[in-house]
Amino acid sequence: MKSNHILLALLGLLVLFALVSCAATPPAVETAPPTEEPRPAPPVAAPPAAAPVPVQAPDQLTLNALNEAAARAEAALNLVRDFGGDEFFPSEWEAANSLYSRAEQQRNISSQTEAQESTARFIRAAEAFEAMRDNTIAKYYENFANELIEARNAAVNAGAQVLVPDFLLEADNTVADADEKFQAGDFHGAKNTAETALNMYQTLLTGLEAYRLREEIADRLEELFPEGLAKADDAGLDAIDKWEAGDYQGARTGVEAALSLYQTLWAGLEAYKLREEIADRIQELHPAALAEADDVGLDAIDKWEAGDYQGAKISAESALILYLRAAASAERQRALDLRANTAVPIEFNNAQDIFTRANTAFMNQWLQDAIALFIRCRAMYRTAGDMALERRQAAEEAIRRADERLSASEETAREAEAILQRGIQ
C-alpha cells in the first residue's frame, strides 16, 4: 500500500514537473511566410484625347464683305486726300489714317472670326474718312472758288472782256459746267473741270500780258529786229489755234512761250537803249563794266540765233542788269561828287540800301527783282544828286546875295563917309 502511495506521488511530481517545464520554456515562434515586395501599380492609361475642333475657314460671303469694306475705306481715304483733307483737318486725318493702317496691318483671313474682325476694322476706318468727306469737299471748293474769282478778275483787269470776250465766255461756261457736276455729286469731275477753268483764266492773263508787251516793243522791233518779232508772234498764234481746238494746256504752254520771247526782245531793246544812253559816260568811269555788259549782250544774240530762246532770255536780262548796274553806279558817283552823302544823307543812304539789295538779287539770279531794283536805285541816286545840286546852288546864291549886300553896305559906308568929310570942310 505504501508503495502505491509512493508511485502516485512520483506520478504527481512528474506531472507537476512537466507543467513547470512547460511554463518555463517559451513557446516556439512560428516562422512567418516571406512577404513579397509591393509591385508598382501599372500606369493608368490616359483617357483618349478629344479630337481637335476644325478651324472654320471664312466663307465667300465673308471674304466678299471684307474686300468691300477694304475698298470702301480706300476710296474714302483717296477722296479725302484728293481734296486736301489731310491739310485742312490734320488731326482728324491722322486719327482716320491710323485706323486704316491698323486695318491693313491686321488684315487676316485665317478663319471666319478673323476675317469678320478684319472687316469691322476696315468699316471703322471707312466711317472715319467718310465723316471728313463733306467738310473736306466744302473747304476745297470754297478755296478753289476764291482762286477762280481772283484769276477771272485778273484776266478781266488785263482786258479780257474787251479784247477776247469769246474766250472769256468759254472759260465762264467751263466754270458753270464744273458747278453742275458738283451739284450732281461728281466731285472728281467737278474738280477736274474747275481746274481746267482756272487754267483757262490764267492762259488768258498770260496771253494778254504778252499782247501788251508786244504793243510796247513792236514799233522799235520793226526797225531793229523784225525777225524776232515774227518768231514771237508765231508762238502766240499757235497758242490761239490750240485754244480753239480745245487744247487748253497746250494753249497755256504756247502763251507762256510767246510771253517769254517778247520778254527776251524787251530786255534786249531796253539794254540797247540804255547802252546808247550811258555808253560815253560809262566808258570814262567804268570801261570794264561796259565791256562785260556788251559781251553778255552779244551772247544773247548768239543764243537766239541758235534757237536757244530760254538761254537768250537769261543773257538778255543779264545784259540789261549789267547796263543798269553801270548806270546806277554812274548816278551814284555823280551824287558823291555833288556831296549828296552829306547834303542829303537820308536820300543817299536810302538809294544805297536799294543798290545793295539789287546786287544781292543779281548774285542770286533773281533777275526780274534785280532789274526792278537797279532801275529804282538809279532814279534814287539821281534824285539825291539833284537835291544836293539844288542845295549847293541855293547856298551859292545865298552867298552871292550876301556878297552883294556886303558890297552895297560897303558902298553906303563910303558914301556916308564922303558926306561927312564934305560937311567937315
Protein backbone atom coordinates (compact mmCIF):
# COMPACT_ATOMS: atom_id res chain seq x y z
CA MET A 1 0.00 0.00 0.00
CA LYS A 2 2.79 2.15 0.91
CA SER A 3 4.43 1.54 -2.43
CA ASN A 4 1.26 2.53 -4.26
CA HIS A 5 1.24 5.82 -2.44
CA ILE A 6 4.87 6.44 -3.43
CA LEU A 7 4.08 5.65 -7.06
CA LEU A 8 1.19 8.06 -7.08
CA ALA A 9 3.43 10.73 -5.58
CA LEU A 10 6.08 10.20 -8.16
CA LEU A 11 3.48 10.45 -10.93
CA GLY A 12 2.23 13.67 -9.39
CA LEU A 13 5.72 15.04 -9.22
CA LEU A 14 6.28 14.10 -12.85
CA VAL A 15 3.10 15.86 -13.88
CA LEU A 16 3.98 18.86 -11.75
CA PHE A 17 7.47 18.90 -13.21
CA ALA A 18 6.07 18.70 -16.68
CA LEU A 19 3.72 21.55 -16.04
CA VAL A 20 6.52 23.68 -14.61
CA SER A 21 8.76 22.88 -17.54
CA CYS A 22 6.06 23.88 -19.98
CA ALA A 23 5.55 27.17 -18.18
CA ALA A 24 9.26 27.97 -18.05
CA THR A 25 10.05 27.19 -21.67
CA PRO A 26 8.95 29.94 -24.18
CA PRO A 27 6.61 28.81 -26.81
CA ALA A 28 8.15 28.10 -30.14
CA VAL A 29 7.94 31.01 -32.58
CA GLU A 30 6.25 30.18 -35.79
CA THR A 31 8.19 31.33 -38.83
CA ALA A 32 6.03 33.73 -40.91
CA PRO A 33 6.00 33.15 -44.59
CA PRO A 34 8.23 35.65 -46.51
CA THR A 35 6.43 38.82 -47.57
CA GLU A 36 6.64 39.85 -51.22
CA GLU A 37 7.92 43.38 -52.26
CA PRO A 38 4.98 45.55 -53.39
CA ARG A 39 4.89 45.78 -57.12
CA PRO A 40 4.26 49.24 -58.69
CA ALA A 41 0.79 49.62 -59.93
CA PRO A 42 0.59 49.53 -63.66
CA PRO A 43 0.25 53.08 -65.16
CA VAL A 44 -3.25 54.18 -65.61
CA ALA A 45 -3.83 54.77 -69.26
CA ALA A 46 -4.72 58.45 -70.08
CA PRO A 47 -8.12 58.91 -71.49
CA PRO A 48 -8.02 59.31 -75.24
CA ALA A 49 -7.51 63.00 -76.34
CA ALA A 50 -10.51 64.75 -77.71
CA ALA A 51 -10.37 65.27 -81.44
CA PRO A 52 -9.32 68.90 -82.37
CA VAL A 53 -12.15 71.17 -83.36
CA PRO A 54 -11.54 72.14 -87.00
CA VAL A 55 -10.96 75.93 -87.67
CA GLN A 56 -13.77 77.29 -89.76
CA ALA A 57 -12.41 78.92 -92.89
CA PRO A 58 -14.17 82.12 -93.97
CA ASP A 59 -16.91 81.58 -96.45
CA GLN A 60 -17.15 83.51 -99.68
CA LEU A 61 -19.73 85.95 -98.35
CA THR A 62 -17.39 86.90 -95.51
CA LEU A 63 -14.47 87.33 -97.90
CA ASN A 64 -16.61 89.47 -100.18
CA ALA A 65 -17.66 91.62 -97.23
CA LEU A 66 -14.01 92.08 -96.23
CA ASN A 67 -12.99 93.10 -99.75
CA GLU A 68 -15.88 95.52 -100.00
CA ALA A 69 -15.04 97.11 -96.64
CA ALA A 70 -11.38 97.47 -97.62
CA ALA A 71 -12.33 99.03 -100.97
CA ARG A 72 -14.76 101.37 -99.24
CA ALA A 73 -12.08 102.53 -96.79
CA GLU A 74 -9.53 103.03 -99.57
CA ALA A 75 -11.99 105.00 -101.70
CA ALA A 76 -12.89 107.24 -98.76
CA LEU A 77 -9.21 107.79 -97.97
CA ASN A 78 -8.41 108.72 -101.58
CA LEU A 79 -11.36 111.10 -101.81
CA VAL A 80 -10.39 112.97 -98.65
CA ARG A 81 -6.74 113.13 -99.67
CA ASP A 82 -7.51 114.23 -103.25
CA PHE A 83 -9.46 117.19 -101.91
CA GLY A 84 -6.85 118.21 -99.32
CA GLY A 85 -8.47 116.87 -96.19
CA ASP A 86 -5.10 115.85 -94.79
CA GLU A 87 -4.10 119.55 -94.86
CA PHE A 88 -7.44 121.09 -93.91
CA PHE A 89 -8.11 118.79 -90.94
CA PRO A 90 -4.78 117.23 -89.90
CA SER A 91 -5.89 115.78 -86.54
CA GLU A 92 -8.97 114.07 -87.98
CA TRP A 93 -6.88 112.79 -90.87
CA GLU A 94 -4.28 111.35 -88.52
CA ALA A 95 -6.92 109.51 -86.49
CA ALA A 96 -8.66 108.06 -89.55
CA ASN A 97 -5.40 107.13 -91.24
CA SER A 98 -4.29 105.34 -88.07
CA LEU A 99 -7.43 103.20 -88.18
CA TYR A 100 -6.81 102.41 -91.83
CA SER A 101 -3.15 101.48 -91.24
CA ARG A 102 -4.15 99.18 -88.38
CA ALA A 103 -6.81 97.54 -90.56
CA GLU A 104 -4.23 96.94 -93.30
CA GLN A 105 -1.64 95.56 -90.91
CA GLN A 106 -4.10 93.26 -89.10
CA ARG A 107 -5.94 92.00 -92.15
CA ASN A 108 -6.43 88.26 -91.59
CA ILE A 109 -8.46 85.59 -93.37
CA SER A 110 -7.17 82.57 -91.47
CA SER A 111 -10.63 81.94 -90.03
CA GLN A 112 -14.19 83.11 -90.23
CA THR A 113 -13.79 85.07 -86.99
CA GLU A 114 -10.53 86.75 -88.04
CA ALA A 115 -12.00 87.75 -91.39
CA GLN A 116 -15.06 89.26 -89.71
CA GLU A 117 -12.88 91.22 -87.28
CA SER A 118 -10.78 92.49 -90.19
CA THR A 119 -13.96 93.61 -91.93
CA ALA A 120 -15.04 95.52 -88.83
CA ARG A 121 -11.69 97.33 -88.67
CA PHE A 122 -11.95 98.46 -92.30
CA ILE A 123 -15.51 99.64 -91.74
CA ARG A 124 -14.39 101.78 -88.79
CA ALA A 125 -11.66 103.33 -90.95
CA ALA A 126 -14.09 103.96 -93.80
CA GLU A 127 -16.58 105.62 -91.46
CA ALA A 128 -13.83 107.88 -90.06
CA PHE A 129 -12.82 109.07 -93.55
CA GLU A 130 -16.43 109.44 -94.65
CA ALA A 131 -17.09 111.64 -91.63
CA MET A 132 -14.44 114.01 -93.03
CA ARG A 133 -15.73 113.95 -96.60
CA ASP A 134 -18.37 116.67 -96.62
CA ASN A 135 -16.31 119.22 -94.70
CA THR A 136 -13.26 118.47 -96.84
CA ILE A 137 -15.10 118.92 -100.12
CA ALA A 138 -16.81 122.09 -98.91
CA LYS A 139 -13.48 123.57 -97.80
CA TYR A 140 -11.76 122.62 -101.03
CA TYR A 141 -14.39 124.22 -103.25
CA GLU A 142 -14.54 127.31 -101.06
CA ASN A 143 -10.82 127.84 -101.57
CA PHE A 144 -10.93 126.94 -105.24
CA ALA A 145 -13.85 129.28 -105.87
CA ASN A 146 -11.75 132.12 -104.46
CA GLU A 147 -8.90 131.17 -106.79
CA LEU A 148 -11.25 131.17 -109.76
CA ILE A 149 -12.64 134.58 -108.84
CA GLU A 150 -9.16 136.05 -108.45
CA ALA A 151 -7.98 134.54 -111.74
CA ARG A 152 -11.03 135.81 -113.61
CA ASN A 153 -10.70 139.29 -112.13
CA ALA A 154 -7.03 139.39 -113.14
CA ALA A 155 -7.91 138.40 -116.70
CA VAL A 156 -10.70 140.99 -116.86
CA ASN A 157 -8.42 143.71 -115.47
CA ALA A 158 -5.89 142.83 -118.16
CA GLY A 159 -8.55 143.47 -120.81
CA ALA A 160 -10.10 140.06 -121.45
CA GLN A 161 -13.65 141.37 -121.54
CA VAL A 162 -12.71 143.88 -124.24
CA LEU A 163 -10.02 142.09 -126.23
CA VAL A 164 -11.04 138.41 -126.02
CA PRO A 165 -14.67 138.32 -124.87
CA ASP A 166 -15.42 134.99 -126.57
CA PHE A 167 -12.51 133.29 -124.86
CA LEU A 168 -13.57 134.73 -121.52
CA LEU A 169 -17.12 133.45 -122.04
CA GLU A 170 -15.75 129.99 -122.82
CA ALA A 171 -13.88 129.97 -119.53
CA ASP A 172 -17.01 131.16 -117.70
CA ASN A 173 -19.04 128.34 -119.26
CA THR A 174 -16.44 125.85 -118.07
CA VAL A 175 -16.95 127.11 -114.53
CA ALA A 176 -20.70 126.60 -114.92
CA ASP A 177 -20.07 123.04 -116.13
CA ALA A 178 -17.94 122.37 -113.06
CA ASP A 179 -20.75 123.62 -110.83
CA GLU A 180 -23.26 121.29 -112.48
CA LYS A 181 -21.01 118.30 -111.84
CA PHE A 182 -20.56 119.34 -108.24
CA GLN A 183 -24.31 119.62 -107.71
CA ALA A 184 -24.72 116.15 -109.22
CA GLY A 185 -22.22 114.68 -106.76
CA ASP A 186 -19.50 114.11 -109.35
CA PHE A 187 -16.87 115.65 -107.14
CA HIS A 188 -13.82 114.47 -109.05
CA GLY A 189 -15.35 115.51 -112.35
CA ALA A 190 -16.17 118.92 -110.88
CA LYS A 191 -12.62 119.23 -109.58
CA ASN A 192 -11.05 118.43 -112.96
CA THR A 193 -13.38 120.82 -114.80
CA ALA A 194 -12.78 123.62 -112.30
CA GLU A 195 -9.03 123.16 -112.69
CA THR A 196 -9.46 123.44 -116.46
CA ALA A 197 -11.37 126.71 -115.99
CA LEU A 198 -8.62 128.07 -113.75
CA ASN A 199 -6.05 127.15 -116.37
CA MET A 200 -8.12 128.97 -119.00
CA TYR A 201 -8.29 132.19 -116.97
CA GLN A 202 -4.55 132.03 -116.32
CA THR A 203 -3.90 131.42 -120.01
CA LEU A 204 -5.92 134.49 -120.91
CA LEU A 205 -3.98 136.59 -118.42
CA THR A 206 -0.63 135.40 -119.74
CA GLY A 207 -1.71 135.92 -123.32
CA LEU A 208 -2.86 139.46 -122.58
CA GLU A 209 0.42 140.24 -120.83
CA ALA A 210 2.23 139.01 -123.92
CA TYR A 211 -0.01 141.16 -126.12
CA ARG A 212 0.59 144.27 -124.01
CA LEU A 213 4.34 143.73 -124.13
CA ARG A 214 4.20 143.22 -127.88
CA GLU A 215 2.39 146.53 -128.33
CA GLU A 216 5.09 148.23 -126.28
CA ILE A 217 8.01 146.95 -128.33
CA ALA A 218 6.56 146.31 -131.77
CA ASP A 219 7.49 149.65 -133.36
CA ARG A 220 11.11 149.51 -132.22
CA LEU A 221 11.41 145.84 -133.20
CA GLU A 222 10.09 146.57 -136.68
CA GLU A 223 13.09 148.81 -137.16
CA LEU A 224 15.75 146.79 -135.36
CA PHE A 225 14.76 143.12 -135.33
CA PRO A 226 11.57 142.22 -137.28
CA GLU A 227 12.55 138.54 -137.45
CA GLY A 228 12.47 138.33 -133.68
CA LEU A 229 9.02 139.88 -133.56
CA ALA A 230 7.75 137.39 -136.16
CA LYS A 231 9.09 134.48 -134.12
CA ALA A 232 7.25 135.60 -131.01
CA ASP A 233 4.08 136.30 -132.99
CA ASP A 234 4.11 132.76 -134.39
CA ALA A 235 4.20 131.31 -130.87
CA GLY A 236 1.23 133.46 -129.90
CA LEU A 237 -0.79 132.44 -132.95
CA ASP A 238 -0.03 128.78 -132.29
CA ALA A 239 -1.41 129.20 -128.76
CA ILE A 240 -4.65 130.63 -130.17
CA ASP A 241 -5.00 127.66 -132.54
CA LYS A 242 -4.62 125.23 -129.64
CA TRP A 243 -7.21 127.08 -127.57
CA GLU A 244 -9.72 126.92 -130.39
CA ALA A 245 -9.02 123.18 -130.72
CA GLY A 246 -9.82 122.69 -127.03
CA ASP A 247 -6.21 122.02 -126.05
CA TYR A 248 -6.15 124.46 -123.16
CA GLN A 249 -2.98 123.08 -121.63
CA GLY A 250 -1.24 123.38 -124.99
CA ALA A 251 -2.57 126.93 -125.26
CA ARG A 252 -1.16 127.71 -121.84
CA THR A 253 2.24 126.41 -122.88
CA GLY A 254 2.04 128.43 -126.09
CA VAL A 255 1.23 131.76 -124.50
CA GLU A 256 3.96 131.24 -121.92
CA ALA A 257 6.43 130.63 -124.75
CA ALA A 258 5.22 133.74 -126.58
CA LEU A 259 5.47 135.86 -123.43
CA SER A 260 9.00 134.57 -122.80
CA LEU A 261 10.02 135.54 -126.34
CA TYR A 262 8.53 139.02 -126.02
CA GLN A 263 10.26 139.44 -122.66
CA THR A 264 13.56 138.47 -124.25
CA LEU A 265 13.05 141.02 -127.00
CA TRP A 266 12.00 143.67 -124.48
CA ALA A 267 15.13 143.05 -122.36
CA GLY A 268 17.31 143.25 -125.47
CA LEU A 269 15.71 146.52 -126.60
CA GLU A 270 15.97 148.06 -123.14
CA ALA A 271 19.60 147.00 -122.90
CA TYR A 272 20.32 148.51 -126.32
CA LYS A 273 18.54 151.78 -125.48
CA LEU A 274 20.28 152.06 -122.12
CA ARG A 275 23.67 151.37 -123.65
CA GLU A 276 23.15 154.19 -126.15
CA GLU A 277 22.29 156.49 -123.26
CA ILE A 278 25.18 155.74 -120.93
CA ALA A 279 27.98 154.40 -123.14
CA ASP A 280 30.07 157.58 -123.29
CA ARG A 281 29.93 158.24 -119.57
CA ILE A 282 30.43 154.61 -118.55
CA GLN A 283 33.35 154.34 -120.93
CA GLU A 284 35.07 157.06 -118.90
CA LEU A 285 34.07 155.84 -115.44
CA HIS A 286 33.79 152.04 -115.76
CA PRO A 287 35.08 150.80 -119.11
CA ALA A 288 35.40 147.22 -117.83
CA ALA A 289 31.74 147.22 -116.76
CA LEU A 290 30.68 148.38 -120.20
CA ALA A 291 32.77 145.68 -121.89
CA GLU A 292 31.27 142.98 -119.62
CA ALA A 293 27.73 144.05 -120.42
CA ASP A 294 28.50 144.16 -124.15
CA ASP A 295 29.85 140.60 -124.07
CA VAL A 296 26.72 139.28 -122.37
CA GLY A 297 24.52 141.15 -124.85
CA LEU A 298 26.34 139.56 -127.80
CA ASP A 299 25.96 136.16 -126.14
CA ALA A 300 22.19 136.71 -126.01
CA ILE A 301 22.12 137.35 -129.75
CA ASP A 302 24.15 134.20 -130.43
CA LYS A 303 21.79 132.07 -128.34
CA TRP A 304 18.70 133.49 -130.05
CA GLU A 305 20.11 132.74 -133.48
CA ALA A 306 20.95 129.19 -132.33
CA GLY A 307 17.35 128.65 -131.21
CA ASP A 308 18.16 128.68 -127.50
CA TYR A 309 15.42 131.15 -126.62
CA GLN A 310 15.45 130.47 -122.89
CA GLY A 311 19.21 130.98 -122.80
CA ALA A 312 18.82 134.12 -124.89
CA LYS A 313 16.25 135.44 -122.41
CA ILE A 314 18.57 134.91 -119.46
CA SER A 315 21.52 136.51 -121.26
CA ALA A 316 19.46 139.47 -122.46
CA GLU A 317 18.16 140.11 -118.96
CA SER A 318 21.67 139.74 -117.56
CA ALA A 319 22.99 142.25 -120.08
CA LEU A 320 20.25 144.69 -119.16
CA ILE A 321 21.09 144.26 -115.48
CA LEU A 322 24.78 144.90 -116.13
CA TYR A 323 23.98 148.09 -118.04
CA LEU A 324 21.56 149.12 -115.29
CA ARG A 325 24.16 148.45 -112.61
CA ALA A 326 26.70 150.50 -114.53
CA ALA A 327 24.15 153.29 -114.96
CA ALA A 328 23.27 153.19 -111.25
CA SER A 329 26.97 153.27 -110.38
CA ALA A 330 27.38 156.35 -112.59
CA GLU A 331 24.49 158.10 -110.84
CA ARG A 332 25.96 157.13 -107.51
CA GLN A 333 29.30 158.66 -108.45
CA ARG A 334 27.58 161.84 -109.59
CA ALA A 335 25.73 162.02 -106.25
CA LEU A 336 29.01 161.59 -104.37
CA ASP A 337 30.66 164.28 -106.50
CA LEU A 338 27.82 166.60 -105.51
CA ARG A 339 28.30 165.67 -101.82
CA ALA A 340 24.83 164.14 -101.63
CA ASN A 341 26.01 161.79 -98.90
CA THR A 342 26.45 164.79 -96.60
CA ALA A 343 23.98 167.26 -98.11
CA VAL A 344 21.03 164.82 -98.23
CA PRO A 345 22.22 161.77 -96.25
CA ILE A 346 18.80 160.20 -95.80
CA GLU A 347 18.04 160.17 -99.52
CA PHE A 348 21.55 158.98 -100.40
CA ASN A 349 21.52 156.18 -97.82
CA ASN A 350 18.07 155.00 -98.97
CA ALA A 351 19.43 154.71 -102.50
CA GLN A 352 22.46 152.89 -101.17
CA ASP A 353 20.24 150.30 -99.44
CA ILE A 354 18.37 149.59 -102.68
CA PHE A 355 21.65 149.36 -104.58
CA THR A 356 22.86 146.69 -102.13
CA ARG A 357 19.62 144.75 -102.49
CA ALA A 358 19.87 144.94 -106.27
CA ASN A 359 23.37 143.49 -106.23
CA THR A 360 22.21 140.70 -103.93
CA ALA A 361 19.32 139.86 -106.25
CA PHE A 362 21.67 139.78 -109.23
CA MET A 363 24.13 137.49 -107.45
CA ASN A 364 21.28 135.11 -106.63
CA GLN A 365 19.99 135.24 -110.22
CA TRP A 366 16.70 136.85 -109.19
CA LEU A 367 16.79 138.67 -112.48
CA GLN A 368 13.42 140.40 -112.52
CA ASP A 369 13.94 141.64 -108.96
CA ALA A 370 17.43 142.84 -109.85
CA ILE A 371 16.15 144.75 -112.89
CA ALA A 372 13.46 146.50 -110.85
CA LEU A 373 15.84 147.33 -108.00
CA PHE A 374 18.61 148.72 -110.21
CA ILE A 375 16.09 150.91 -112.05
CA ARG A 376 14.81 152.13 -108.70
CA CYS A 377 18.17 152.89 -107.09
CA ARG A 378 19.42 154.62 -110.23
CA ALA A 379 16.48 157.02 -110.03
CA MET A 380 17.03 157.48 -106.28
CA TYR A 381 20.71 158.33 -106.75
CA ARG A 382 19.75 160.81 -109.45
CA THR A 383 17.19 162.41 -107.14
CA ALA A 384 19.71 162.61 -104.29
CA GLY A 385 22.27 164.18 -106.64
CA ASP A 386 19.73 166.69 -107.95
CA MET A 387 18.73 167.64 -104.41
CA ALA A 388 22.37 168.12 -103.43
CA LEU A 389 22.92 170.22 -106.55
CA GLU A 390 19.89 172.36 -105.75
CA ARG A 391 21.12 172.92 -102.20
CA ARG A 392 24.59 173.78 -103.47
CA GLN A 393 23.11 176.23 -105.97
CA ALA A 394 20.87 177.69 -103.28
CA ALA A 395 23.87 178.08 -100.99
CA GLU A 396 25.91 179.66 -103.74
CA GLU A 397 23.02 182.03 -104.50
CA ALA A 398 22.76 182.94 -100.82
CA ILE A 399 26.50 183.63 -100.72
CA ARG A 400 26.24 185.75 -103.86
CA ARG A 401 23.42 187.77 -102.36
CA ALA A 402 25.27 188.15 -99.12
CA ASP A 403 28.27 189.36 -101.05
CA GLU A 404 26.08 191.81 -102.92
CA ARG A 405 24.60 193.08 -99.67
CA LEU A 406 28.05 193.39 -98.21
CA SER A 407 29.27 195.28 -101.25
CA ALA A 408 26.24 197.54 -101.06
CA SER A 409 26.84 198.14 -97.37
CA GLU A 410 30.46 198.99 -98.02
CA GLU A 411 29.43 201.43 -100.79
CA THR A 412 26.88 203.02 -98.49
CA ALA A 413 29.51 203.39 -95.81
CA ARG A 414 31.90 205.03 -98.25
CA GLU A 415 29.19 207.42 -99.39
CA ALA A 416 28.34 208.29 -95.81
CA GLU A 417 31.98 208.89 -95.05
CA ALA A 418 32.28 211.16 -98.09
CA ILE A 419 29.29 213.19 -96.98
CA LEU A 420 30.74 213.57 -93.53
CA GLN A 421 34.03 214.68 -94.98
CA ARG A 422 32.35 217.32 -97.09
CA GLY A 423 30.41 218.58 -94.03
CA ILE A 424 33.61 218.97 -92.04
CA GLN A 425 35.19 221.03 -94.78
